Protein backbone atom coordinates (compact mmCIF):
# COMPACT_ATOMS: atom_id res chain seq x y z
CA MET A 1 -118.03 -13.28 73.92
CA LYS A 2 -115.17 -14.89 71.89
CA LEU A 3 -112.36 -16.94 73.25
CA PRO A 4 -109.63 -14.21 72.82
CA GLU A 5 -111.86 -11.69 74.76
CA LYS A 6 -112.50 -14.08 77.58
CA LEU A 7 -108.65 -14.98 77.90
CA VAL A 8 -107.71 -11.33 77.80
CA ILE A 9 -110.13 -10.46 80.55
CA ALA A 10 -108.97 -13.32 82.59
CA GLY A 11 -105.26 -12.79 82.11
CA PHE A 12 -105.64 -8.98 83.13
CA SER A 13 -107.67 -9.81 85.94
CA TRP A 14 -105.23 -12.40 87.46
CA GLY A 15 -102.24 -10.22 86.77
CA MET A 16 -103.90 -7.15 88.57
CA ILE A 17 -105.71 -8.74 91.39
CA GLY A 18 -102.92 -11.38 92.07
CA SER A 19 -100.27 -8.80 92.38
CA LEU A 20 -102.49 -6.41 94.58
CA LEU A 21 -103.30 -9.27 97.02
CA PHE A 22 -99.71 -10.36 96.93
CA TYR A 23 -98.27 -6.99 98.16
CA LEU A 24 -101.41 -5.58 100.16
CA SER A 25 -102.44 -8.64 102.31
CA PRO A 26 -101.78 -8.55 105.95
CA MET A 27 -99.53 -11.41 107.38
CA SER A 28 -102.35 -13.28 108.87
CA TRP A 29 -103.99 -13.88 105.51
CA PRO A 30 -103.28 -16.89 103.48
CA THR A 31 -102.77 -14.71 100.37
CA TYR A 32 -99.62 -12.92 101.98
CA GLU A 33 -96.83 -13.22 99.56
CA SER A 34 -98.40 -16.29 97.84
CA MET A 35 -96.57 -17.38 94.92
CA LEU A 36 -99.73 -19.01 93.58
CA LEU A 37 -101.31 -15.74 93.25
CA CYS A 38 -98.41 -14.06 91.74
CA PRO A 39 -95.39 -16.00 90.56
CA TRP A 40 -93.58 -13.15 89.06
CA CYS A 41 -93.92 -10.84 92.06
CA ALA A 42 -90.59 -10.27 93.83
CA TYR A 43 -90.21 -10.12 97.69
CA ILE A 44 -89.41 -6.42 98.64
CA ASP A 45 -88.04 -5.53 102.10
CA PHE A 46 -87.66 -2.06 103.51
CA PHE A 47 -85.38 -1.14 106.32
CA ARG A 48 -87.99 1.04 108.23
CA PRO A 49 -91.88 0.82 108.06
CA VAL A 50 -93.35 2.48 105.16
CA PRO A 51 -97.07 3.65 104.59
CA TRP A 52 -99.42 1.28 102.88
CA THR A 53 -99.60 3.72 99.74
CA VAL A 54 -96.12 2.66 99.04
CA TRP A 55 -97.35 -0.92 98.84
CA LEU A 56 -100.45 0.11 96.92
CA ARG A 57 -98.33 1.66 94.36
CA ILE A 58 -95.96 -1.21 93.90
CA GLY A 59 -98.92 -3.60 93.78
CA SER A 60 -100.74 -1.17 91.24
CA ILE A 61 -97.51 -0.85 88.98
CA THR A 62 -96.71 -4.61 89.09
CA GLY A 63 -100.46 -5.62 88.57
CA LEU A 64 -100.70 -3.36 85.47
CA LEU A 65 -97.53 -4.68 83.98
CA ALA A 66 -98.44 -8.24 84.81
CA GLY A 67 -101.93 -7.81 83.67
CA LEU A 68 -100.92 -6.27 80.27
CA ALA A 69 -98.63 -9.14 79.76
CA LEU A 70 -101.04 -11.86 80.60
CA ALA A 71 -103.77 -10.15 78.58
CA VAL A 72 -101.29 -10.14 75.36
CA LEU A 73 -100.42 -13.60 76.13
CA GLY A 74 -104.28 -14.62 76.50
CA ALA A 75 -105.17 -12.70 73.25
CA GLY A 76 -102.44 -14.52 71.26
CA ILE A 77 -103.47 -17.78 72.45
CA GLY A 78 -107.14 -17.30 71.88
CA PHE A 79 -106.53 -16.04 68.33
CA LEU A 80 -104.16 -19.01 67.65
CA VAL A 81 -106.88 -21.54 69.02
CA GLN A 82 -109.58 -19.74 66.79
CA TRP A 83 -107.36 -19.94 63.79
CA ILE A 84 -106.74 -23.55 64.33
CA ARG A 85 -110.23 -24.39 64.80
CA LYS A 86 -111.12 -22.41 61.76
CA GLN A 87 -108.54 -24.24 59.79
CA GLN A 88 -109.96 -27.64 60.97
CA THR A 89 -113.52 -26.85 60.02
CA GLN A 90 -112.51 -25.75 56.47
CA THR A 91 -110.80 -29.06 55.69
């Protein structure tokens, strides 16, 4: 497995899992609204209690978007590092 593939998998996993843990953790967990897991996730308040499926939907959509963004970023960085290494070995 090459570096870009590893970074794509790591980026998508961190984006998806971090967002789901951010929105679906109970208040007693240390991952509850932790900015270490999901620095781009926004705090959302509702006036009345909502079912957990609403939080699942918010976490899934945010996680998918964040995962895709981090996967693209990881692929770009991976291909750039590969290209730089290739240039250094040719000289």
